[in-house]
Amino acid sequence: PIDPVAGHIPGARCVPFSENLDATGHFLPSDQLRSRFDRLLTDQ
């Protein structure tokens, strides 16, 4: 809806910022955020 070209940078992972929040709009507890990002890094 915003930029003239659609898509993403090759190799990127989709990590929507909205999923850092709970249903009330507050940030998730740090341990839940840690689990979210740990899954992205694996052995990196």
PDB file of all heavy atoms in Angstrom:
ATOM      1  N   PRO A   1       0.787  -1.229   0.000  1.00  0.00           N
ATOM      2  CA  PRO A   1       0.000   0.000   0.000  1.00  0.00           C
ATOM      3  C   PRO A   1       0.822   1.283   0.000  1.00  0.00           C
ATOM      4  O   PRO A   1       0.252   2.371  -0.157  1.00  0.00           O
ATOM      5  CB  PRO A   1      -0.796  -0.118   1.300  1.00  0.00           C
ATOM      6  CG  PRO A   1       0.101  -0.912   2.204  1.00  0.00           C
ATOM      7  CD  PRO A   1       0.819  -1.888   1.311  1.00  0.00           C
ATOM      8  N   ILE A   2       2.137   1.186   0.172  1.00  0.00           N
ATOM      9  CA  ILE A   2       2.946   2.393   0.379  1.00  0.00           C
ATOM     10  C   ILE A   2       4.026   2.565  -0.679  1.00  0.00           C
ATOM     11  O   ILE A   2       4.135   3.627  -1.302  1.00  0.00           O
ATOM     12  CB  ILE A   2       3.588   2.376   1.783  1.00  0.00           C
ATOM     13  CG1 ILE A   2       2.513   2.249   2.870  1.00  0.00           C
ATOM     14  CG2 ILE A   2       4.424   3.641   2.004  1.00  0.00           C
ATOM     15  CD1 ILE A   2       3.070   2.076   4.266  1.00  0.00           C
ATOM     16  N   ASP A   3       4.831   1.540  -0.896  1.00  0.00           N
ATOM     17  CA  ASP A   3       5.985   1.660  -1.783  1.00  0.00           C
ATOM     18  C   ASP A   3       5.665   1.185  -3.196  1.00  0.00           C
ATOM     19  O   ASP A   3       4.785   0.351  -3.402  1.00  0.00           O
ATOM     20  CB  ASP A   3       7.156   0.861  -1.195  1.00  0.00           C
ATOM     21  CG  ASP A   3       7.666   1.471   0.097  1.00  0.00           C
ATOM     22  OD1 ASP A   3       7.930   2.685   0.103  1.00  0.00           O
ATOM     23  OD2 ASP A   3       7.777   0.746   1.111  1.00  0.00           O
ATOM     24  N   PRO A   4       6.383   1.695  -4.212  1.00  0.00           N
ATOM     25  CA  PRO A   4       6.053   1.389  -5.606  1.00  0.00           C
ATOM     26  C   PRO A   4       6.444  -0.013  -6.054  1.00  0.00           C
ATOM     27  O   PRO A   4       6.029  -0.442  -7.128  1.00  0.00           O
ATOM     28  CB  PRO A   4       6.821   2.457  -6.399  1.00  0.00           C
ATOM     29  CG  PRO A   4       7.956   2.843  -5.517  1.00  0.00           C
ATOM     30  CD  PRO A   4       7.440   2.736  -4.121  1.00  0.00           C
ATOM     31  N   VAL A   5       7.264  -0.703  -5.286  1.00  0.00           N
ATOM     32  CA  VAL A   5       7.692  -2.058  -5.620  1.00  0.00           C
ATOM     33  C   VAL A   5       7.383  -2.953  -4.425  1.00  0.00           C
ATOM     34  O   VAL A   5       7.598  -2.563  -3.278  1.00  0.00           O
ATOM     35  CB  VAL A   5       9.200  -2.113  -5.942  1.00  0.00           C
ATOM     36  CG1 VAL A   5       9.642  -3.541  -6.250  1.00  0.00           C
ATOM     37  CG2 VAL A   5       9.526  -1.186  -7.110  1.00  0.00           C
ATOM     38  N   ALA A   6       6.863  -4.144  -4.696  1.00  0.00           N
ATOM     39  CA  ALA A   6       6.493  -5.067  -3.630  1.00  0.00           C
ATOM     40  C   ALA A   6       7.556  -6.152  -3.472  1.00  0.00           C
ATOM     41  O   ALA A   6       8.296  -6.456  -4.399  1.00  0.00           O
ATOM     42  CB  ALA A   6       5.137  -5.704  -3.932  1.00  0.00           C
ATOM     43  N   GLY A   7       7.595  -6.752  -2.283  1.00  0.00           N
ATOM     44  CA  GLY A   7       8.499  -7.865  -2.044  1.00  0.00           C
ATOM     45  C   GLY A   7       9.374  -7.623  -0.837  1.00  0.00           C
ATOM     46  O   GLY A   7       9.031  -6.837   0.055  1.00  0.00           O
ATOM     47  N   HIS A   8      10.527  -8.303  -0.788  1.00  0.00           N
ATOM     48  CA  HIS A   8      11.444  -8.161   0.336  1.00  0.00           C
ATOM     49  C   HIS A   8      12.881  -8.394  -0.116  1.00  0.00           C
ATOM     50  O   HIS A   8      13.129  -8.826  -1.251  1.00  0.00           O
ATOM     51  CB  HIS A   8      11.073  -9.122   1.471  1.00  0.00           C
ATOM     52  CG  HIS A   8      11.133 -10.575   1.093  1.00  0.00           C
ATOM     53  ND1 HIS A   8      10.034 -11.270   0.626  1.00  0.00           N
ATOM     54  CD2 HIS A   8      12.155 -11.479   1.108  1.00  0.00           C
ATOM     55  CE1 HIS A   8      10.370 -12.532   0.375  1.00  0.00           C
ATOM     56  NE2 HIS A   8      11.660 -12.678   0.658  1.00  0.00           N
ATOM     57  N   ILE A   9      13.814  -8.107   0.753  1.00  0.00           N
ATOM     58  CA  ILE A   9      15.226  -8.326   0.457  1.00  0.00           C
ATOM     59  C   ILE A   9      15.501  -9.827   0.527  1.00  0.00           C
ATOM     60  O   ILE A   9      15.085 -10.487   1.488  1.00  0.00           O
ATOM     61  CB  ILE A   9      16.109  -7.545   1.453  1.00  0.00           C
ATOM     62  CG1 ILE A   9      15.833  -6.037   1.331  1.00  0.00           C
ATOM     63  CG2 ILE A   9      17.592  -7.827   1.192  1.00  0.00           C
ATOM     64  CD1 ILE A   9      16.550  -5.195   2.381  1.00  0.00           C
ATOM     65  N   PRO A  10      16.183 -10.389  -0.451  1.00  0.00           N
ATOM     66  CA  PRO A  10      16.421 -11.839  -0.456  1.00  0.00           C
ATOM     67  C   PRO A  10      17.106 -12.321   0.822  1.00  0.00           C
ATOM     68  O   PRO A  10      18.026 -11.688   1.331  1.00  0.00           O
ATOM     69  CB  PRO A  10      17.334 -12.035  -1.673  1.00  0.00           C
ATOM     70  CG  PRO A  10      16.998 -10.894  -2.580  1.00  0.00           C
ATOM     71  CD  PRO A  10      16.712  -9.745  -1.672  1.00  0.00           C
ATOM     72  N   GLY A  11      16.601 -13.436   1.328  1.00  0.00           N
ATOM     73  CA  GLY A  11      17.170 -14.040   2.524  1.00  0.00           C
ATOM     74  C   GLY A  11      16.582 -13.540   3.823  1.00  0.00           C
ATOM     75  O   GLY A  11      16.886 -14.077   4.892  1.00  0.00           O
ATOM     76  N   ALA A  12      15.730 -12.511   3.760  1.00  0.00           N
ATOM     77  CA  ALA A  12      15.150 -11.951   4.980  1.00  0.00           C
ATOM     78  C   ALA A  12      14.114 -12.900   5.568  1.00  0.00           C
ATOM     79  O   ALA A  12      13.515 -13.722   4.878  1.00  0.00           O
ATOM     80  CB  ALA A  12      14.523 -10.589   4.696  1.00  0.00           C
ATOM     81  N   ARG A  13      13.895 -12.755   6.864  1.00  0.00           N
ATOM     82  CA  ARG A  13      12.843 -13.457   7.575  1.00  0.00           C
ATOM     83  C   ARG A  13      11.775 -12.450   7.963  1.00  0.00           C
ATOM     84  O   ARG A  13      12.081 -11.320   8.358  1.00  0.00           O
ATOM     85  CB  ARG A  13      13.398 -14.118   8.846  1.00  0.00           C
ATOM     86  CG  ARG A  13      14.598 -15.041   8.609  1.00  0.00           C
ATOM     87  CD  ARG A  13      14.177 -16.410   8.163  1.00  0.00           C
ATOM     88  NE  ARG A  13      13.394 -17.096   9.190  1.00  0.00           N
ATOM     89  CZ  ARG A  13      13.920 -17.775  10.205  1.00  0.00           C
ATOM     90  NH1 ARG A  13      15.255 -17.825  10.372  1.00  0.00           N
ATOM     91  NH2 ARG A  13      13.143 -18.407  11.071  1.00  0.00           N
ATOM     92  N   CYS A  14      10.521 -12.846   7.861  1.00  0.00           N
ATOM     93  CA  CYS A  14       9.414 -11.959   8.231  1.00  0.00           C
ATOM     94  C   CYS A  14       9.195 -12.038   9.745  1.00  0.00           C
ATOM     95  O   CYS A  14       8.835 -13.095  10.276  1.00  0.00           O
ATOM     96  CB  CYS A  14       8.148 -12.349   7.485  1.00  0.00           C
ATOM     97  SG  CYS A  14       6.757 -11.245   7.804  1.00  0.00           S
ATOM     98  N   VAL A  15       9.405 -10.920  10.420  1.00  0.00           N
ATOM     99  CA  VAL A  15       9.244 -10.850  11.878  1.00  0.00           C
ATOM    100  C   VAL A  15       8.403  -9.611  12.188  1.00  0.00           C
ATOM    101  O   VAL A  15       8.930  -8.560  12.566  1.00  0.00           O
ATOM    102  CB  VAL A  15      10.616 -10.773  12.583  1.00  0.00           C
ATOM    103  CG1 VAL A  15      10.449 -10.851  14.098  1.00  0.00           C
ATOM    104  CG2 VAL A  15      11.534 -11.881  12.100  1.00  0.00           C
ATOM    105  N   PRO A  16       7.088  -9.684  11.999  1.00  0.00           N
ATOM    106  CA  PRO A  16       6.247  -8.494  12.157  1.00  0.00           C
ATOM    107  C   PRO A  16       6.371  -7.873  13.547  1.00  0.00           C
ATOM    108  O   PRO A  16       6.287  -8.566  14.557  1.00  0.00           O
ATOM    109  CB  PRO A  16       4.830  -9.035  11.925  1.00  0.00           C
ATOM    110  CG  PRO A  16       5.018 -10.271  11.096  1.00  0.00           C
ATOM    111  CD  PRO A  16       6.294 -10.861  11.598  1.00  0.00           C
ATOM    112  N   PHE A  17       6.575  -6.578  13.576  1.00  0.00           N
ATOM    113  CA  PHE A  17       6.768  -5.900  14.863  1.00  0.00           C
ATOM    114  C   PHE A  17       5.538  -6.024  15.747  1.00  0.00           C
ATOM    115  O   PHE A  17       5.644  -6.030  16.986  1.00  0.00           O
ATOM    116  CB  PHE A  17       7.130  -4.427  14.640  1.00  0.00           C
ATOM    117  CG  PHE A  17       5.946  -3.519  14.403  1.00  0.00           C
ATOM    118  CD1 PHE A  17       5.369  -2.817  15.452  1.00  0.00           C
ATOM    119  CD2 PHE A  17       5.400  -3.377  13.139  1.00  0.00           C
ATOM    120  CE1 PHE A  17       4.273  -1.986  15.240  1.00  0.00           C
ATOM    121  CE2 PHE A  17       4.311  -2.557  12.918  1.00  0.00           C
ATOM    122  CZ  PHE A  17       3.744  -1.859  13.973  1.00  0.00           C
ATOM    123  N   SER A  18       4.358  -6.117  15.132  1.00  0.00           N
ATOM    124  CA  SER A  18       3.120  -6.182  15.911  1.00  0.00           C
ATOM    125  C   SER A  18       3.069  -7.414  16.808  1.00  0.00           C
ATOM    126  O   SER A  18       2.357  -7.424  17.820  1.00  0.00           O
ATOM    127  CB  SER A  18       1.907  -6.168  14.974  1.00  0.00           C
ATOM    128  OG  SER A  18       1.964  -7.261  14.078  1.00  0.00           O
ATOM    129  N   GLU A  19       3.832  -8.437  16.462  1.00  0.00           N
ATOM    130  CA  GLU A  19       3.826  -9.660  17.259  1.00  0.00           C
ATOM    131  C   GLU A  19       4.735  -9.571  18.482  1.00  0.00           C
ATOM    132  O   GLU A  19       4.858 -10.535  19.241  1.00  0.00           O
ATOM    133  CB  GLU A  19       4.196 -10.853  16.377  1.00  0.00           C
ATOM    134  CG  GLU A  19       3.153 -11.122  15.301  1.00  0.00           C
ATOM    135  CD  GLU A  19       3.489 -12.285  14.388  1.00  0.00           C
ATOM    136  OE1 GLU A  19       4.393 -13.080  14.733  1.00  0.00           O
ATOM    137  OE2 GLU A  19       2.850 -12.394  13.321  1.00  0.00           O
ATOM    138  N   ASN A  20       5.337  -8.411  18.700  1.00  0.00           N
ATOM    139  CA  ASN A  20       6.040  -8.168  19.960  1.00  0.00           C
ATOM    140  C   ASN A  20       5.078  -7.757  21.065  1.00  0.00           C
ATOM    141  O   ASN A  20       5.491  -7.595  22.218  1.00  0.00           O
ATOM    142  CB  ASN A  20       7.072  -7.038  19.794  1.00  0.00           C
ATOM    143  CG  ASN A  20       8.164  -7.393  18.806  1.00  0.00           C
ATOM    144  OD1 ASN A  20       8.621  -8.528  18.753  1.00  0.00           O
ATOM    145  ND2 ASN A  20       8.583  -6.418  18.014  1.00  0.00           N
ATOM    146  N   LEU A  21       3.797  -7.584  20.718  1.00  0.00           N
ATOM    147  CA  LEU A  21       2.792  -7.061  21.632  1.00  0.00           C
ATOM    148  C   LEU A  21       1.727  -8.101  21.929  1.00  0.00           C
ATOM    149  O   LEU A  21       1.478  -9.012  21.120  1.00  0.00           O
ATOM    150  CB  LEU A  21       2.124  -5.828  21.019  1.00  0.00           C
ATOM    151  CG  LEU A  21       3.052  -4.700  20.549  1.00  0.00           C
ATOM    152  CD1 LEU A  21       2.261  -3.671  19.765  1.00  0.00           C
ATOM    153  CD2 LEU A  21       3.768  -4.056  21.728  1.00  0.00           C
ATOM    154  N   ASP A  22       1.067  -7.937  23.076  1.00  0.00           N
ATOM    155  CA  ASP A  22      -0.063  -8.807  23.383  1.00  0.00           C
ATOM    156  C   ASP A  22      -1.343  -8.181  22.849  1.00  0.00           C
ATOM    157  O   ASP A  22      -1.318  -7.135  22.180  1.00  0.00           O
ATOM    158  CB  ASP A  22      -0.146  -9.100  24.886  1.00  0.00           C
ATOM    159  CG  ASP A  22      -0.422  -7.865  25.744  1.00  0.00           C
ATOM    160  OD1 ASP A  22      -0.893  -6.842  25.206  1.00  0.00           O
ATOM    161  OD2 ASP A  22      -0.166  -7.928  26.957  1.00  0.00           O
ATOM    162  N   ALA A  23      -2.473  -8.802  23.150  1.00  0.00           N
ATOM    163  CA  ALA A  23      -3.744  -8.342  22.598  1.00  0.00           C
ATOM    164  C   ALA A  23      -4.152  -6.970  23.111  1.00  0.00           C
ATOM    165  O   ALA A  23      -4.984  -6.291  22.500  1.00  0.00           O
ATOM    166  CB  ALA A  23      -4.839  -9.365  22.923  1.00  0.00           C
ATOM    167  N   THR A  24      -3.561  -6.520  24.220  1.00  0.00           N
ATOM    168  CA  THR A  24      -3.907  -5.215  24.774  1.00  0.00           C
ATOM    169  C   THR A  24      -2.976  -4.110  24.291  1.00  0.00           C
ATOM    170  O   THR A  24      -3.135  -2.951  24.677  1.00  0.00           O
ATOM    171  CB  THR A  24      -3.863  -5.251  26.313  1.00  0.00           C
ATOM    172  OG1 THR A  24      -2.503  -5.410  26.750  1.00  0.00           O
ATOM    173  CG2 THR A  24      -4.710  -6.403  26.848  1.00  0.00           C
ATOM    174  N   GLY A  25      -1.982  -4.455  23.460  1.00  0.00           N
ATOM    175  CA  GLY A  25      -1.041  -3.463  22.973  1.00  0.00           C
ATOM    176  C   GLY A  25       0.157  -3.247  23.871  1.00  0.00           C
ATOM    177  O   GLY A  25       0.951  -2.330  23.632  1.00  0.00           O
ATOM    178  N   HIS A  26       0.329  -4.084  24.880  1.00  0.00           N
ATOM    179  CA  HIS A  26       1.506  -4.025  25.741  1.00  0.00           C
ATOM    180  C   HIS A  26       2.571  -4.994  25.231  1.00  0.00           C
ATOM    181  O   HIS A  26       2.249  -6.005  24.589  1.00  0.00           O
ATOM    182  CB  HIS A  26       1.147  -4.382  27.186  1.00  0.00           C
ATOM    183  CG  HIS A  26       0.271  -3.377  27.863  1.00  0.00           C
ATOM    184  ND1 HIS A  26      -1.086  -3.283  27.609  1.00  0.00           N
ATOM    185  CD2 HIS A  26       0.548  -2.410  28.786  1.00  0.00           C
ATOM    186  CE1 HIS A  26      -1.600  -2.309  28.344  1.00  0.00           C
ATOM    187  NE2 HIS A  26      -0.628  -1.757  29.057  1.00  0.00           N
ATOM    188  N   PHE A  27       3.819  -4.705  25.529  1.00  0.00           N
ATOM    189  CA  PHE A  27       4.902  -5.597  25.115  1.00  0.00           C
ATOM    190  C   PHE A  27       4.775  -6.942  25.824  1.00  0.00           C
ATOM    191  O   PHE A  27       4.372  -7.013  26.993  1.00  0.00           O
ATOM    192  CB  PHE A  27       6.261  -4.970  25.431  1.00  0.00           C
ATOM    193  CG  PHE A  27       6.693  -3.931  24.432  1.00  0.00           C
ATOM    194  CD1 PHE A  27       6.265  -2.621  24.558  1.00  0.00           C
ATOM    195  CD2 PHE A  27       7.526  -4.264  23.367  1.00  0.00           C
ATOM    196  CE1 PHE A  27       6.655  -1.650  23.638  1.00  0.00           C
ATOM    197  CE2 PHE A  27       7.926  -3.301  22.447  1.00  0.00           C
ATOM    198  CZ  PHE A  27       7.487  -1.993  22.581  1.00  0.00           C
ATOM    199  N   LEU A  28       5.115  -7.992  25.097  1.00  0.00           N
ATOM    200  CA  LEU A  28       5.150  -9.320  25.690  1.00  0.00           C
ATOM    201  C   LEU A  28       6.205  -9.372  26.792  1.00  0.00           C
ATOM    202  O   LEU A  28       7.184  -8.615  26.757  1.00  0.00           O
ATOM    203  CB  LEU A  28       5.487 -10.360  24.626  1.00  0.00           C
ATOM    204  CG  LEU A  28       4.472 -10.570  23.499  1.00  0.00           C
ATOM    205  CD1 LEU A  28       5.059 -11.509  22.446  1.00  0.00           C
ATOM    206  CD2 LEU A  28       3.164 -11.131  24.039  1.00  0.00           C
ATOM    207  N   PRO A  29       6.047 -10.266  27.759  1.00  0.00           N
ATOM    208  CA  PRO A  29       7.105 -10.448  28.762  1.00  0.00           C
ATOM    209  C   PRO A  29       8.423 -10.813  28.095  1.00  0.00           C
ATOM    210  O   PRO A  29       8.458 -11.407  27.004  1.00  0.00           O
ATOM    211  CB  PRO A  29       6.571 -11.596  29.625  1.00  0.00           C
ATOM    212  CG  PRO A  29       5.096 -11.587  29.417  1.00  0.00           C
ATOM    213  CD  PRO A  29       4.877 -11.136  28.003  1.00  0.00           C
ATOM    214  N   SER A  30       9.522 -10.465  28.741  1.00  0.00           N
ATOM    215  CA  SER A  30      10.833 -10.652  28.132  1.00  0.00           C
ATOM    216  C   SER A  30      11.125 -12.105  27.791  1.00  0.00           C
ATOM    217  O   SER A  30      11.777 -12.384  26.777  1.00  0.00           O
ATOM    218  CB  SER A  30      11.925 -10.100  29.058  1.00  0.00           C
ATOM    219  OG  SER A  30      11.882 -10.736  30.322  1.00  0.00           O
ATOM    220  N   ASP A  31      10.625 -13.053  28.601  1.00  0.00           N
ATOM    221  CA  ASP A  31      10.901 -14.456  28.290  1.00  0.00           C
ATOM    222  C   ASP A  31      10.177 -14.900  27.027  1.00  0.00           C
ATOM    223  O   ASP A  31      10.703 -15.703  26.252  1.00  0.00           O
ATOM    224  CB  ASP A  31      10.549 -15.361  29.472  1.00  0.00           C
ATOM    225  CG  ASP A  31       9.095 -15.256  29.896  1.00  0.00           C
ATOM    226  OD1 ASP A  31       8.434 -14.243  29.586  1.00  0.00           O
ATOM    227  OD2 ASP A  31       8.603 -16.196  30.567  1.00  0.00           O
ATOM    228  N   GLN A  32       8.981 -14.356  26.782  1.00  0.00           N
ATOM    229  CA  GLN A  32       8.265 -14.688  25.546  1.00  0.00           C
ATOM    230  C   GLN A  32       8.947 -14.050  24.337  1.00  0.00           C
ATOM    231  O   GLN A  32       9.029 -14.659  23.263  1.00  0.00           O
ATOM    232  CB  GLN A  32       6.808 -14.235  25.641  1.00  0.00           C
ATOM    233  CG  GLN A  32       5.996 -15.012  26.663  1.00  0.00           C
ATOM    234  CD  GLN A  32       4.537 -14.612  26.657  1.00  0.00           C
ATOM    235  OE1 GLN A  32       3.968 -14.260  25.630  1.00  0.00           O
ATOM    236  NE2 GLN A  32       3.919 -14.638  27.833  1.00  0.00           N
ATOM    237  N   LEU A  33       9.433 -12.837  24.505  1.00  0.00           N
ATOM    238  CA  LEU A  33      10.186 -12.207  23.423  1.00  0.00           C
ATOM    239  C   LEU A  33      11.466 -12.988  23.145  1.00  0.00           C
ATOM    240  O   LEU A  33      11.846 -13.180  21.980  1.00  0.00           O
ATOM    241  CB  LEU A  33      10.518 -10.761  23.774  1.00  0.00           C
ATOM    242  CG  LEU A  33       9.345  -9.776  23.804  1.00  0.00           C
ATOM    243  CD1 LEU A  33       9.780  -8.445  24.396  1.00  0.00           C
ATOM    244  CD2 LEU A  33       8.775  -9.578  22.395  1.00  0.00           C
ATOM    245  N   ARG A  34      12.112 -13.451  24.195  1.00  0.00           N
ATOM    246  CA  ARG A  34      13.340 -14.231  24.021  1.00  0.00           C
ATOM    247  C   ARG A  34      13.056 -15.489  23.213  1.00  0.00           C
ATOM    248  O   ARG A  34      13.810 -15.833  22.287  1.00  0.00           O
ATOM    249  CB  ARG A  34      13.918 -14.600  25.394  1.00  0.00           C
ATOM    250  CG  ARG A  34      15.247 -15.344  25.306  1.00  0.00           C
ATOM    251  CD  ARG A  34      16.391 -14.376  25.126  1.00  0.00           C
ATOM    252  NE  ARG A  34      17.624 -15.041  24.756  1.00  0.00           N
ATOM    253  CZ  ARG A  34      18.814 -14.466  24.796  1.00  0.00           C
ATOM    254  NH1 ARG A  34      18.927 -13.209  25.180  1.00  0.00           N
ATOM    255  NH2 ARG A  34      19.896 -15.115  24.431  1.00  0.00           N
ATOM    256  N   SER A  35      11.973 -16.174  23.517  1.00  0.00           N
ATOM    257  CA  SER A  35      11.624 -17.388  22.771  1.00  0.00           C
ATOM    258  C   SER A  35      11.355 -17.061  21.311  1.00  0.00           C
ATOM    259  O   SER A  35      11.749 -17.812  20.409  1.00  0.00           O
ATOM    260  CB  SER A  35      10.391 -18.051  23.397  1.00  0.00           C
ATOM    261  OG  SER A  35      10.665 -18.501  24.703  1.00  0.00           O
ATOM    262  N   ARG A  36      10.708 -15.930  21.082  1.00  0.00           N
ATOM    263  CA  ARG A  36      10.398 -15.539  19.706  1.00  0.00           C
ATOM    264  C   ARG A  36      11.674 -15.346  18.888  1.00  0.00           C
ATOM    265  O   ARG A  36      11.798 -15.847  17.773  1.00  0.00           O
ATOM    266  CB  ARG A  36       9.579 -14.248  19.714  1.00  0.00           C
ATOM    267  CG  ARG A  36       9.190 -13.805  18.315  1.00  0.00           C
ATOM    268  CD  ARG A  36       8.412 -12.511  18.284  1.00  0.00           C
ATOM    269  NE  ARG A  36       7.839 -12.379  16.950  1.00  0.00           N
ATOM    270  CZ  ARG A  36       7.704 -11.235  16.302  1.00  0.00           C
ATOM    271  NH1 ARG A  36       8.067 -10.095  16.870  1.00  0.00           N
ATOM    272  NH2 ARG A  36       7.191 -11.201  15.086  1.00  0.00           N
ATOM    273  N   PHE A  37      12.629 -14.620  19.440  1.00  0.00           N
ATOM    274  CA  PHE A  37      13.834 -14.310  18.683  1.00  0.00           C
ATOM    275  C   PHE A  37      14.842 -15.457  18.695  1.00  0.00           C
ATOM    276  O   PHE A  37      15.616 -15.605  17.748  1.00  0.00           O
ATOM    277  CB  PHE A  37      14.456 -13.022  19.203  1.00  0.00           C
ATOM    278  CG  PHE A  37      13.598 -11.807  18.945  1.00  0.00           C
ATOM    279  CD1 PHE A  37      13.050 -11.085  19.990  1.00  0.00           C
ATOM    280  CD2 PHE A  37      13.316 -11.403  17.650  1.00  0.00           C
ATOM    281  CE1 PHE A  37      12.249  -9.978  19.754  1.00  0.00           C
ATOM    282  CE2 PHE A  37      12.516 -10.304  17.391  1.00  0.00           C
ATOM    283  CZ  PHE A  37      11.978  -9.585  18.448  1.00  0.00           C
ATOM    284  N   ASP A  38      14.823 -16.271  19.745  1.00  0.00           N
ATOM    285  CA  ASP A  38      15.716 -17.440  19.770  1.00  0.00           C
ATOM    286  C   ASP A  38      15.457 -18.355  18.581  1.00  0.00           C
ATOM    287  O   ASP A  38      16.383 -18.947  18.009  1.00  0.00           O
ATOM    288  CB  ASP A  38      15.523 -18.238  21.063  1.00  0.00           C
ATOM    289  CG  ASP A  38      16.313 -17.659  22.234  1.00  0.00           C
ATOM    290  OD1 ASP A  38      17.172 -16.786  22.001  1.00  0.00           O
ATOM    291  OD2 ASP A  38      16.072 -18.092  23.373  1.00  0.00           O
ATOM    292  N   ARG A  39      14.192 -18.467  18.195  1.00  0.00           N
ATOM    293  CA  ARG A  39      13.842 -19.356  17.077  1.00  0.00           C
ATOM    294  C   ARG A  39      14.427 -18.863  15.759  1.00  0.00           C
ATOM    295  O   ARG A  39      14.645 -19.640  14.828  1.00  0.00           O
ATOM    296  CB  ARG A  39      12.321 -19.478  16.958  1.00  0.00           C
ATOM    297  CG  ARG A  39      11.676 -20.260  18.099  1.00  0.00           C
ATOM    298  CD  ARG A  39      10.242 -20.620  17.781  1.00  0.00           C
ATOM    299  NE  ARG A  39       9.387 -19.455  17.674  1.00  0.00           N
ATOM    300  CZ  ARG A  39       8.721 -18.922  18.708  1.00  0.00           C
ATOM    301  NH1 ARG A  39       8.840 -19.450  19.915  1.00  0.00           N
ATOM    302  NH2 ARG A  39       7.942 -17.868  18.532  1.00  0.00           N
ATOM    303  N   LEU A  40      14.669 -17.561  15.666  1.00  0.00           N
ATOM    304  CA  LEU A  40      15.231 -16.997  14.433  1.00  0.00           C
ATOM    305  C   LEU A  40      16.720 -17.274  14.319  1.00  0.00           C
ATOM    306  O   LEU A  40      17.248 -17.503  13.226  1.00  0.00           O
ATOM    307  CB  LEU A  40      15.020 -15.484  14.409  1.00  0.00           C
ATOM    308  CG  LEU A  40      13.591 -14.981  14.323  1.00  0.00           C
ATOM    309  CD1 LEU A  40      13.574 -13.496  14.551  1.00  0.00           C
ATOM    310  CD2 LEU A  40      13.001 -15.329  12.967  1.00  0.00           C
ATOM    311  N   LEU A  41      17.401 -17.245  15.441  1.00  0.00           N
ATOM    312  CA  LEU A  41      18.860 -17.308  15.402  1.00  0.00           C
ATOM    313  C   LEU A  41      19.393 -18.733  15.356  1.00  0.00           C
ATOM    314  O   LEU A  41      20.440 -18.985  14.751  1.00  0.00           O
ATOM    315  CB  LEU A  41      19.435 -16.576  16.619  1.00  0.00           C
ATOM    316  CG  LEU A  41      19.366 -15.056  16.510  1.00  0.00           C
ATOM    317  CD1 LEU A  41      19.630 -14.391  17.845  1.00  0.00           C
ATOM    318  CD2 LEU A  41      20.381 -14.550  15.483  1.00  0.00           C
ATOM    319  N   THR A  42      18.691 -19.679  15.977  1.00  0.00           N
ATOM    320  CA  THR A  42      19.138 -21.075  16.071  1.00  0.00           C
ATOM    321  C   THR A  42      20.622 -21.116  16.445  1.00  0.00           C
ATOM    322  O   THR A  42      20.975 -20.815  17.565  1.00  0.00           O
ATOM    323  CB  THR A  42      18.843 -21.839  14.773  1.00  0.00           C
ATOM    324  OG1 THR A  42      19.465 -21.177  13.652  1.00  0.00           O
ATOM    325  CG2 THR A  42      17.346 -21.933  14.517  1.00  0.00           C
ATOM    326  N   ASP A  43      21.493 -21.448  15.494  1.00  0.00           N
ATOM    327  CA  ASP A  43      22.917 -21.562  15.816  1.00  0.00           C
ATOM    328  C   ASP A  43      23.720 -20.312  15.471  1.00  0.00           C
ATOM    329  O   ASP A  43      24.941 -20.303  15.580  1.00  0.00           O
ATOM    330  CB  ASP A  43      23.528 -22.761  15.064  1.00  0.00           C
ATOM    331  CG  ASP A  43      22.915 -24.072  15.513  1.00  0.00           C
ATOM    332  OD1 ASP A  43      22.559 -24.166  16.706  1.00  0.00           O
ATOM    333  OD2 ASP A  43      22.782 -24.985  14.679  1.00  0.00           O
ATOM    334  N   GLN A  44      23.044 -19.250  15.050  1.00  0.00           N
ATOM    335  CA  GLN A  44      23.751 -18.033  14.661  1.00  0.00           C
ATOM    336  C   GLN A  44      23.997 -17.146  15.875  1.00  0.00           C
ATOM    337  O   GLN A  44      23.130 -17.008  16.746  1.00  0.00           O
ATOM    338  CB  GLN A  44      22.913 -17.243  13.640  1.00  0.00           C
ATOM    339  CG  GLN A  44      22.737 -17.948  12.301  1.00  0.00           C
ATOM    340  CD  GLN A  44      23.905 -17.655  11.376  1.00  0.00           C
ATOM    341  OE1 GLN A  44      25.052 -17.846  11.730  1.00  0.00           O
ATOM    342  NE2 GLN A  44      23.599 -17.173  10.196  1.00  0.00           N
TER     343      GLN A  44
END
